[in-house]
Amino acid sequence: GGSVAGTEWDYGEESPLVDARGWQLPRSAAHPTQLTDRP
């Protein structure tokens, strides 16, 4: 009788390739496991 939100995760707020040292890794250079901002 409970609820879960089995919805699309809002990937618009994800940024897994931004580096805290001041740059962003190009998507073309990323390993597939780093692309956590896509379904």
PDB file of all heavy atoms in Angstrom:
ATOM      1  N   GLY A   1       0.786  -1.227   0.000  1.00  0.00           N
ATOM      2  CA  GLY A   1       0.000   0.000   0.000  1.00  0.00           C
ATOM      3  C   GLY A   1       0.812   1.267   0.000  1.00  0.00           C
ATOM      4  O   GLY A   1       0.262   2.367   0.092  1.00  0.00           O
ATOM      5  N   GLY A   2       2.131   1.161  -0.119  1.00  0.00           N
ATOM      6  CA  GLY A   2       2.984   2.339  -0.129  1.00  0.00           C
ATOM      7  C   GLY A   2       3.236   2.843  -1.533  1.00  0.00           C
ATOM      8  O   GLY A   2       2.679   2.331  -2.517  1.00  0.00           O
ATOM      9  N   SER A   3       4.077   3.848  -1.633  1.00  0.00           N
ATOM     10  CA  SER A   3       4.401   4.450  -2.928  1.00  0.00           C
ATOM     11  C   SER A   3       5.906   4.562  -3.087  1.00  0.00           C
ATOM     12  O   SER A   3       6.640   4.798  -2.124  1.00  0.00           O
ATOM     13  CB  SER A   3       3.782   5.855  -3.044  1.00  0.00           C
ATOM     14  OG  SER A   3       2.376   5.808  -3.006  1.00  0.00           O
ATOM     15  N   VAL A   4       6.362   4.382  -4.306  1.00  0.00           N
ATOM     16  CA  VAL A   4       7.719   4.723  -4.702  1.00  0.00           C
ATOM     17  C   VAL A   4       7.604   5.586  -5.947  1.00  0.00           C
ATOM     18  O   VAL A   4       6.594   5.550  -6.647  1.00  0.00           O
ATOM     19  CB  VAL A   4       8.575   3.478  -5.011  1.00  0.00           C
ATOM     20  CG1 VAL A   4       8.781   2.637  -3.769  1.00  0.00           C
ATOM     21  CG2 VAL A   4       7.959   2.646  -6.124  1.00  0.00           C
ATOM     22  N   ALA A   5       8.612   6.372  -6.192  1.00  0.00           N
ATOM     23  CA  ALA A   5       8.635   7.153  -7.425  1.00  0.00           C
ATOM     24  C   ALA A   5       9.496   6.390  -8.424  1.00  0.00           C
ATOM     25  O   ALA A   5      10.722   6.551  -8.449  1.00  0.00           O
ATOM     26  CB  ALA A   5       9.174   8.557  -7.179  1.00  0.00           C
ATOM     27  N   GLY A   6       8.854   5.514  -9.202  1.00  0.00           N
ATOM     28  CA  GLY A   6       9.563   4.796 -10.247  1.00  0.00           C
ATOM     29  C   GLY A   6       9.578   5.655 -11.492  1.00  0.00           C
ATOM     30  O   GLY A   6       9.022   5.302 -12.528  1.00  0.00           O
ATOM     31  N   THR A   7      10.210   6.803 -11.378  1.00  0.00           N
ATOM     32  CA  THR A   7      10.170   7.824 -12.418  1.00  0.00           C
ATOM     33  C   THR A   7      11.515   7.935 -13.107  1.00  0.00           C
ATOM     34  O   THR A   7      12.498   7.320 -12.708  1.00  0.00           O
ATOM     35  CB  THR A   7       9.834   9.194 -11.800  1.00  0.00           C
ATOM     36  OG1 THR A   7      10.923   9.579 -10.936  1.00  0.00           O
ATOM     37  CG2 THR A   7       8.560   9.137 -10.996  1.00  0.00           C
ATOM     38  N   GLU A   8      11.554   8.750 -14.109  1.00  0.00           N
ATOM     39  CA  GLU A   8      12.825   9.107 -14.705  1.00  0.00           C
ATOM     40  C   GLU A   8      13.626   9.934 -13.699  1.00  0.00           C
ATOM     41  O   GLU A   8      13.102  10.848 -13.079  1.00  0.00           O
ATOM     42  CB  GLU A   8      12.606   9.929 -15.983  1.00  0.00           C
ATOM     43  CG  GLU A   8      11.976   9.152 -17.124  1.00  0.00           C
ATOM     44  CD  GLU A   8      12.876   8.061 -17.654  1.00  0.00           C
ATOM     45  OE1 GLU A   8      14.114   8.245 -17.630  1.00  0.00           O
ATOM     46  OE2 GLU A   8      12.357   7.026 -18.087  1.00  0.00           O
ATOM     47  N   TRP A   9      14.886   9.558 -13.506  1.00  0.00           N
ATOM     48  CA  TRP A   9      15.770  10.389 -12.698  1.00  0.00           C
ATOM     49  C   TRP A   9      16.053  11.664 -13.468  1.00  0.00           C
ATOM     50  O   TRP A   9      16.223  11.647 -14.691  1.00  0.00           O
ATOM     51  CB  TRP A   9      17.057   9.638 -12.409  1.00  0.00           C
ATOM     52  CG  TRP A   9      17.992  10.321 -11.447  1.00  0.00           C
ATOM     53  CD1 TRP A   9      19.160  10.953 -11.754  1.00  0.00           C
ATOM     54  CD2 TRP A   9      17.836  10.429 -10.028  1.00  0.00           C
ATOM     55  NE1 TRP A   9      19.753  11.439 -10.621  1.00  0.00           N
ATOM     56  CE2 TRP A   9      18.958  11.132  -9.542  1.00  0.00           C
ATOM     57  CE3 TRP A   9      16.869  10.011  -9.126  1.00  0.00           C
ATOM     58  CZ2 TRP A   9      19.139  11.418  -8.187  1.00  0.00           C
ATOM     59  CZ3 TRP A   9      17.038  10.291  -7.783  1.00  0.00           C
ATOM     60  CH2 TRP A   9      18.159  10.985  -7.323  1.00  0.00           C
ATOM     61  N   ASP A  10      16.069  12.785 -12.768  1.00  0.00           N
ATOM     62  CA  ASP A  10      16.282  14.060 -13.433  1.00  0.00           C
ATOM     63  C   ASP A  10      17.777  14.255 -13.675  1.00  0.00           C
ATOM     64  O   ASP A  10      18.489  14.857 -12.880  1.00  0.00           O
ATOM     65  CB  ASP A  10      15.727  15.201 -12.572  1.00  0.00           C
ATOM     66  CG  ASP A  10      15.815  16.555 -13.274  1.00  0.00           C
ATOM     67  OD1 ASP A  10      16.158  16.575 -14.468  1.00  0.00           O
ATOM     68  OD2 ASP A  10      15.564  17.579 -12.627  1.00  0.00           O
ATOM     69  N   TYR A  11      18.269  13.711 -14.809  1.00  0.00           N
ATOM     70  CA  TYR A  11      19.700  13.759 -15.103  1.00  0.00           C
ATOM     71  C   TYR A  11      20.189  15.164 -15.455  1.00  0.00           C
ATOM     72  O   TYR A  11      21.387  15.393 -15.554  1.00  0.00           O
ATOM     73  CB  TYR A  11      20.031  12.804 -16.253  1.00  0.00           C
ATOM     74  CG  TYR A  11      19.923  11.353 -15.863  1.00  0.00           C
ATOM     75  CD1 TYR A  11      18.801  10.602 -16.215  1.00  0.00           C
ATOM     76  CD2 TYR A  11      20.925  10.732 -15.147  1.00  0.00           C
ATOM     77  CE1 TYR A  11      18.688   9.270 -15.852  1.00  0.00           C
ATOM     78  CE2 TYR A  11      20.832   9.388 -14.782  1.00  0.00           C
ATOM     79  CZ  TYR A  11      19.710   8.667 -15.140  1.00  0.00           C
ATOM     80  OH  TYR A  11      19.603   7.353 -14.777  1.00  0.00           O
ATOM     81  N   GLY A  12      19.251  16.106 -15.631  1.00  0.00           N
ATOM     82  CA  GLY A  12      19.658  17.471 -15.939  1.00  0.00           C
ATOM     83  C   GLY A  12      20.491  18.107 -14.855  1.00  0.00           C
ATOM     84  O   GLY A  12      21.214  19.075 -15.101  1.00  0.00           O
ATOM     85  N   GLU A  13      20.398  17.579 -13.633  1.00  0.00           N
ATOM     86  CA  GLU A  13      21.156  18.139 -12.521  1.00  0.00           C
ATOM     87  C   GLU A  13      22.478  17.404 -12.288  1.00  0.00           C
ATOM     88  O   GLU A  13      23.210  17.724 -11.355  1.00  0.00           O
ATOM     89  CB  GLU A  13      20.309  18.077 -11.239  1.00  0.00           C
ATOM     90  CG  GLU A  13      18.979  18.801 -11.332  1.00  0.00           C
ATOM     91  CD  GLU A  13      19.138  20.297 -11.519  1.00  0.00           C
ATOM     92  OE1 GLU A  13      20.132  20.855 -11.006  1.00  0.00           O
ATOM     93  OE2 GLU A  13      18.296  20.905 -12.196  1.00  0.00           O
ATOM     94  N   GLU A  14      22.807  16.414 -13.118  1.00  0.00           N
ATOM     95  CA  GLU A  14      24.019  15.625 -12.916  1.00  0.00           C
ATOM     96  C   GLU A  14      25.177  16.228 -13.717  1.00  0.00           C
ATOM     97  O   GLU A  14      25.003  16.719 -14.828  1.00  0.00           O
ATOM     98  CB  GLU A  14      23.784  14.179 -13.374  1.00  0.00           C
ATOM     99  CG  GLU A  14      22.593  13.503 -12.701  1.00  0.00           C
ATOM    100  CD  GLU A  14      22.966  12.802 -11.411  1.00  0.00           C
ATOM    101  OE1 GLU A  14      24.117  12.380 -11.278  1.00  0.00           O
ATOM    102  OE2 GLU A  14      22.088  12.682 -10.548  1.00  0.00           O
ATOM    103  N   SER A  15      26.375  16.146 -13.151  1.00  0.00           N
ATOM    104  CA  SER A  15      27.574  16.656 -13.839  1.00  0.00           C
ATOM    105  C   SER A  15      28.783  15.818 -13.439  1.00  0.00           C
ATOM    106  O   SER A  15      29.695  16.309 -12.763  1.00  0.00           O
ATOM    107  CB  SER A  15      27.804  18.138 -13.482  1.00  0.00           C
ATOM    108  OG  SER A  15      27.802  18.326 -12.074  1.00  0.00           O
ATOM    109  N   PRO A  16      28.837  14.551 -13.837  1.00  0.00           N
ATOM    110  CA  PRO A  16      29.878  13.654 -13.343  1.00  0.00           C
ATOM    111  C   PRO A  16      31.266  13.903 -13.900  1.00  0.00           C
ATOM    112  O   PRO A  16      32.235  13.339 -13.394  1.00  0.00           O
ATOM    113  CB  PRO A  16      29.361  12.272 -13.773  1.00  0.00           C
ATOM    114  CG  PRO A  16      28.553  12.546 -15.009  1.00  0.00           C
ATOM    115  CD  PRO A  16      27.886  13.869 -14.732  1.00  0.00           C
ATOM    116  N   LEU A  17      31.397  14.717 -14.942  1.00  0.00           N
ATOM    117  CA  LEU A  17      32.706  14.927 -15.563  1.00  0.00           C
ATOM    118  C   LEU A  17      33.365  16.240 -15.142  1.00  0.00           C
ATOM    119  O   LEU A  17      34.443  16.573 -15.623  1.00  0.00           O
ATOM    120  CB  LEU A  17      32.573  14.876 -17.092  1.00  0.00           C
ATOM    121  CG  LEU A  17      31.988  13.576 -17.654  1.00  0.00           C
ATOM    122  CD1 LEU A  17      31.970  13.624 -19.169  1.00  0.00           C
ATOM    123  CD2 LEU A  17      32.769  12.364 -17.160  1.00  0.00           C
ATOM    124  N   VAL A  18      32.721  16.995 -14.243  1.00  0.00           N
ATOM    125  CA  VAL A  18      33.324  18.225 -13.734  1.00  0.00           C
ATOM    126  C   VAL A  18      34.302  17.862 -12.632  1.00  0.00           C
ATOM    127  O   VAL A  18      33.966  17.164 -11.677  1.00  0.00           O
ATOM    128  CB  VAL A  18      32.257  19.202 -13.197  1.00  0.00           C
ATOM    129  CG1 VAL A  18      32.908  20.424 -12.592  1.00  0.00           C
ATOM    130  CG2 VAL A  18      31.309  19.596 -14.322  1.00  0.00           C
ATOM    131  N   ASP A  19      35.534  18.336 -12.771  1.00  0.00           N
ATOM    132  CA  ASP A  19      36.604  18.010 -11.836  1.00  0.00           C
ATOM    133  C   ASP A  19      36.779  19.140 -10.833  1.00  0.00           C
ATOM    134  O   ASP A  19      36.787  20.322 -11.205  1.00  0.00           O
ATOM    135  CB  ASP A  19      37.912  17.781 -12.614  1.00  0.00           C
ATOM    136  CG  ASP A  19      38.978  17.087 -11.793  1.00  0.00           C
ATOM    137  OD1 ASP A  19      39.390  17.664 -10.771  1.00  0.00           O
ATOM    138  OD2 ASP A  19      39.402  15.974 -12.177  1.00  0.00           O
ATOM    139  N   ALA A  20      36.940  18.803  -9.559  1.00  0.00           N
ATOM    140  CA  ALA A  20      37.074  19.808  -8.506  1.00  0.00           C
ATOM    141  C   ALA A  20      38.338  20.633  -8.652  1.00  0.00           C
ATOM    142  O   ALA A  20      38.462  21.700  -8.041  1.00  0.00           O
ATOM    143  CB  ALA A  20      37.052  19.130  -7.131  1.00  0.00           C
ATOM    144  N   ARG A  21      39.270  20.167  -9.470  1.00  0.00           N
ATOM    145  CA  ARG A  21      40.514  20.923  -9.654  1.00  0.00           C
ATOM    146  C   ARG A  21      40.398  22.004 -10.709  1.00  0.00           C
ATOM    147  O   ARG A  21      41.379  22.684 -11.009  1.00  0.00           O
ATOM    148  CB  ARG A  21      41.648  19.946  -9.991  1.00  0.00           C
ATOM    149  CG  ARG A  21      41.992  19.013  -8.842  1.00  0.00           C
ATOM    150  CD  ARG A  21      42.892  17.881  -9.259  1.00  0.00           C
ATOM    151  NE  ARG A  21      42.226  16.936 -10.148  1.00  0.00           N
ATOM    152  CZ  ARG A  21      42.787  15.839 -10.631  1.00  0.00           C
ATOM    153  NH1 ARG A  21      44.026  15.545 -10.309  1.00  0.00           N
ATOM    154  NH2 ARG A  21      42.113  15.028 -11.429  1.00  0.00           N
ATOM    155  N   GLY A  22      39.182  22.156 -11.293  1.00  0.00           N
ATOM    156  CA  GLY A  22      38.963  23.319 -12.135  1.00  0.00           C
ATOM    157  C   GLY A  22      38.757  23.062 -13.604  1.00  0.00           C
ATOM    158  O   GLY A  22      38.835  23.993 -14.405  1.00  0.00           O
ATOM    159  N   TRP A  23      38.501  21.840 -14.016  1.00  0.00           N
ATOM    160  CA  TRP A  23      38.264  21.582 -15.434  1.00  0.00           C
ATOM    161  C   TRP A  23      37.182  20.525 -15.588  1.00  0.00           C
ATOM    162  O   TRP A  23      36.705  19.943 -14.621  1.00  0.00           O
ATOM    163  CB  TRP A  23      39.543  21.151 -16.151  1.00  0.00           C
ATOM    164  CG  TRP A  23      40.158  19.888 -15.648  1.00  0.00           C
ATOM    165  CD1 TRP A  23      39.819  18.610 -15.952  1.00  0.00           C
ATOM    166  CD2 TRP A  23      41.251  19.770 -14.718  1.00  0.00           C
ATOM    167  NE1 TRP A  23      40.610  17.705 -15.290  1.00  0.00           N
ATOM    168  CE2 TRP A  23      41.504  18.389 -14.533  1.00  0.00           C
ATOM    169  CE3 TRP A  23      42.047  20.697 -14.055  1.00  0.00           C
ATOM    170  CZ2 TRP A  23      42.518  17.922 -13.693  1.00  0.00           C
ATOM    171  CZ3 TRP A  23      43.051  20.230 -13.222  1.00  0.00           C
ATOM    172  CH2 TRP A  23      43.275  18.869 -13.047  1.00  0.00           C
ATOM    173  N   GLN A  24      36.796  20.278 -16.859  1.00  0.00           N
ATOM    174  CA  GLN A  24      35.785  19.270 -17.151  1.00  0.00           C
ATOM    175  C   GLN A  24      36.352  18.288 -18.160  1.00  0.00           C
ATOM    176  O   GLN A  24      36.899  18.685 -19.196  1.00  0.00           O
ATOM    177  CB  GLN A  24      34.508  19.916 -17.701  1.00  0.00           C
ATOM    178  CG  GLN A  24      33.410  18.899 -18.019  1.00  0.00           C
ATOM    179  CD  GLN A  24      32.043  19.541 -18.192  1.00  0.00           C
ATOM    180  OE1 GLN A  24      31.806  20.610 -17.666  1.00  0.00           O
ATOM    181  NE2 GLN A  24      31.159  18.882 -18.919  1.00  0.00           N
ATOM    182  N   LEU A  25      36.217  17.014 -17.859  1.00  0.00           N
ATOM    183  CA  LEU A  25      36.693  15.977 -18.759  1.00  0.00           C
ATOM    184  C   LEU A  25      35.784  15.905 -19.977  1.00  0.00           C
ATOM    185  O   LEU A  25      34.562  15.813 -19.844  1.00  0.00           O
ATOM    186  CB  LEU A  25      36.700  14.623 -18.037  1.00  0.00           C
ATOM    187  CG  LEU A  25      37.248  13.425 -18.802  1.00  0.00           C
ATOM    188  CD1 LEU A  25      38.754  13.559 -18.983  1.00  0.00           C
ATOM    189  CD2 LEU A  25      36.930  12.125 -18.063  1.00  0.00           C
ATOM    190  N   PRO A  26      36.328  15.942 -21.201  1.00  0.00           N
ATOM    191  CA  PRO A  26      35.481  15.806 -22.393  1.00  0.00           C
ATOM    192  C   PRO A  26      34.772  14.452 -22.403  1.00  0.00           C
ATOM    193  O   PRO A  26      35.342  13.438 -22.006  1.00  0.00           O
ATOM    194  CB  PRO A  26      36.489  15.911 -23.553  1.00  0.00           C
ATOM    195  CG  PRO A  26      37.688  16.567 -22.978  1.00  0.00           C
ATOM    196  CD  PRO A  26      37.739  16.152 -21.546  1.00  0.00           C
ATOM    197  N   ARG A  27      33.531  14.438 -22.879  1.00  0.00           N
ATOM    198  CA  ARG A  27      32.779  13.185 -22.915  1.00  0.00           C
ATOM    199  C   ARG A  27      33.482  12.148 -23.786  1.00  0.00           C
ATOM    200  O   ARG A  27      33.434  10.944 -23.509  1.00  0.00           O
ATOM    201  CB  ARG A  27      31.355  13.428 -23.422  1.00  0.00           C
ATOM    202  CG  ARG A  27      30.528  14.335 -22.531  1.00  0.00           C
ATOM    203  CD  ARG A  27      29.075  14.400 -22.984  1.00  0.00           C
ATOM    204  NE  ARG A  27      28.353  13.195 -22.629  1.00  0.00           N
ATOM    205  CZ  ARG A  27      27.777  12.987 -21.444  1.00  0.00           C
ATOM    206  NH1 ARG A  27      27.856  13.915 -20.487  1.00  0.00           N
ATOM    207  NH2 ARG A  27      27.123  11.873 -21.196  1.00  0.00           N
ATOM    208  N   SER A  28      34.151  12.610 -24.833  1.00  0.00           N
ATOM    209  CA  SER A  28      34.831  11.679 -25.727  1.00  0.00           C
ATOM    210  C   SER A  28      35.998  10.975 -25.042  1.00  0.00           C
ATOM    211  O   SER A  28      36.422   9.903 -25.472  1.00  0.00           O
ATOM    212  CB  SER A  28      35.341  12.427 -26.963  1.00  0.00           C
ATOM    213  OG  SER A  28      36.238  13.465 -26.582  1.00  0.00           O
ATOM    214  N   ALA A  29      36.520  11.573 -23.978  1.00  0.00           N
ATOM    215  CA  ALA A  29      37.660  10.986 -23.273  1.00  0.00           C
ATOM    216  C   ALA A  29      37.235  10.193 -22.048  1.00  0.00           C
ATOM    217  O   ALA A  29      38.069   9.569 -21.389  1.00  0.00           O
ATOM    218  CB  ALA A  29      38.627  12.094 -22.842  1.00  0.00           C
ATOM    219  N   ALA A  30      35.954  10.196 -21.731  1.00  0.00           N
ATOM    220  CA  ALA A  30      35.469   9.548 -20.510  1.00  0.00           C
ATOM    221  C   ALA A  30      35.259   8.053 -20.730  1.00  0.00           C
ATOM    222  O   ALA A  30      34.855   7.615 -21.807  1.00  0.00           O
ATOM    223  CB  ALA A  30      34.171  10.192 -20.049  1.00  0.00           C
ATOM    224  N   HIS A  31      35.525   7.290 -19.688  1.00  0.00           N
ATOM    225  CA  HIS A  31      35.179   5.871 -19.699  1.00  0.00           C
ATOM    226  C   HIS A  31      33.661   5.765 -19.595  1.00  0.00           C
ATOM    227  O   HIS A  31      33.014   6.572 -18.920  1.00  0.00           O
ATOM    228  CB  HIS A  31      35.843   5.183 -18.505  1.00  0.00           C
ATOM    229  CG  HIS A  31      35.751   3.686 -18.551  1.00  0.00           C
ATOM    230  ND1 HIS A  31      34.680   2.994 -18.024  1.00  0.00           N
ATOM    231  CD2 HIS A  31      36.590   2.743 -19.064  1.00  0.00           C
ATOM    232  CE1 HIS A  31      34.869   1.695 -18.189  1.00  0.00           C
ATOM    233  NE2 HIS A  31      36.013   1.511 -18.822  1.00  0.00           N
ATOM    234  N   PRO A  32      33.033   4.784 -20.271  1.00  0.00           N
ATOM    235  CA  PRO A  32      31.565   4.677 -20.223  1.00  0.00           C
ATOM    236  C   PRO A  32      30.989   4.643 -18.811  1.00  0.00           C
ATOM    237  O   PRO A  32      29.896   5.148 -18.566  1.00  0.00           O
ATOM    238  CB  PRO A  32      31.289   3.355 -20.973  1.00  0.00           C
ATOM    239  CG  PRO A  32      32.443   3.214 -21.906  1.00  0.00           C
ATOM    240  CD  PRO A  32      33.628   3.780 -21.184  1.00  0.00           C
ATOM    241  N   THR A  33      31.735   4.067 -17.852  1.00  0.00           N
ATOM    242  CA  THR A  33      31.209   3.991 -16.491  1.00  0.00           C
ATOM    243  C   THR A  33      31.164   5.346 -15.810  1.00  0.00           C
ATOM    244  O   THR A  33      30.549   5.484 -14.749  1.00  0.00           O
ATOM    245  CB  THR A  33      32.061   3.038 -15.642  1.00  0.00           C
ATOM    246  OG1 THR A  33      33.421   3.500 -15.631  1.00  0.00           O
ATOM    247  CG2 THR A  33      32.010   1.626 -16.193  1.00  0.00           C
ATOM    248  N   GLN A  34      31.828   6.359 -16.399  1.00  0.00           N
ATOM    249  CA  GLN A  34      31.789   7.697 -15.813  1.00  0.00           C
ATOM    250  C   GLN A  34      30.552   8.483 -16.255  1.00  0.00           C
ATOM    251  O   GLN A  34      30.253   9.526 -15.664  1.00  0.00           O
ATOM    252  CB  GLN A  34      33.051   8.479 -16.203  1.00  0.00           C
ATOM    253  CG  GLN A  34      34.320   7.953 -15.572  1.00  0.00           C
ATOM    254  CD  GLN A  34      35.535   8.736 -16.033  1.00  0.00           C
ATOM    255  OE1 GLN A  34      36.172   8.394 -17.025  1.00  0.00           O
ATOM    256  NE2 GLN A  34      35.838   9.798 -15.333  1.00  0.00           N
ATOM    257  N   LEU A  35      29.851   8.002 -17.258  1.00  0.00           N
ATOM    258  CA  LEU A  35      28.719   8.751 -17.811  1.00  0.00           C
ATOM    259  C   LEU A  35      27.449   8.414 -17.046  1.00  0.00           C
ATOM    260  O   LEU A  35      26.493   7.849 -17.582  1.00  0.00           O
ATOM    261  CB  LEU A  35      28.582   8.450 -19.305  1.00  0.00           C
ATOM    262  CG  LEU A  35      29.817   8.786 -20.151  1.00  0.00           C
ATOM    263  CD1 LEU A  35      29.594   8.379 -21.595  1.00  0.00           C
ATOM    264  CD2 LEU A  35      30.169  10.271 -20.045  1.00  0.00           C
ATOM    265  N   THR A  36      27.436   8.796 -15.776  1.00  0.00           N
ATOM    266  CA  THR A  36      26.291   8.488 -14.915  1.00  0.00           C
ATOM    267  C   THR A  36      25.169   9.498 -15.054  1.00  0.00           C
ATOM    268  O   THR A  36      24.177   9.425 -14.322  1.00  0.00           O
ATOM    269  CB  THR A  36      26.744   8.439 -13.443  1.00  0.00           C
ATOM    270  OG1 THR A  36      27.340   9.702 -13.100  1.00  0.00           O
ATOM    271  CG2 THR A  36      27.749   7.329 -13.228  1.00  0.00           C
ATOM    272  N   ASP A  37      25.291  10.432 -15.987  1.00  0.00           N
ATOM    273  CA  ASP A  37      24.247  11.432 -16.191  1.00  0.00           C
ATOM    274  C   ASP A  37      23.352  11.077 -17.379  1.00  0.00           C
ATOM    275  O   ASP A  37      22.701  11.936 -17.953  1.00  0.00           O
ATOM    276  CB  ASP A  37      24.874  12.821 -16.429  1.00  0.00           C
ATOM    277  CG  ASP A  37      25.833  12.841 -17.615  1.00  0.00           C
ATOM    278  OD1 ASP A  37      26.278  11.750 -18.038  1.00  0.00           O
ATOM    279  OD2 ASP A  37      26.136  13.943 -18.099  1.00  0.00           O
ATOM    280  N   ARG A  38      23.309   9.807 -17.734  1.00  0.00           N
ATOM    281  CA  ARG A  38      22.421   9.387 -18.812  1.00  0.00           C
ATOM    282  C   ARG A  38      21.774   8.063 -18.416  1.00  0.00           C
ATOM    283  O   ARG A  38      22.350   7.278 -17.648  1.00  0.00           O
ATOM    284  CB  ARG A  38      23.182   9.234 -20.128  1.00  0.00           C
ATOM    285  CG  ARG A  38      24.203   8.107 -20.132  1.00  0.00           C
ATOM    286  CD  ARG A  38      24.986   8.060 -21.437  1.00  0.00           C
ATOM    287  NE  ARG A  38      25.842   6.886 -21.508  1.00  0.00           N
ATOM    288  CZ  ARG A  38      26.729   6.673 -22.473  1.00  0.00           C
ATOM    289  NH1 ARG A  38      26.870   7.571 -23.428  1.00  0.00           N
ATOM    290  NH2 ARG A  38      27.463   5.592 -22.480  1.00  0.00           N
ATOM    291  N   PRO A  39      20.576   7.795 -18.936  1.00  0.00           N
ATOM    292  CA  PRO A  39      19.889   6.544 -18.585  1.00  0.00           C
ATOM    293  C   PRO A  39      20.648   5.329 -19.095  1.00  0.00           C
ATOM    294  O   PRO A  39      21.463   5.413 -20.013  1.00  0.00           O
ATOM    295  CB  PRO A  39      18.526   6.684 -19.285  1.00  0.00           C
ATOM    296  CG  PRO A  39      18.389   8.141 -19.595  1.00  0.00           C
ATOM    297  CD  PRO A  39      19.776   8.660 -19.805  1.00  0.00           C
TER     298      PRO A  39
END
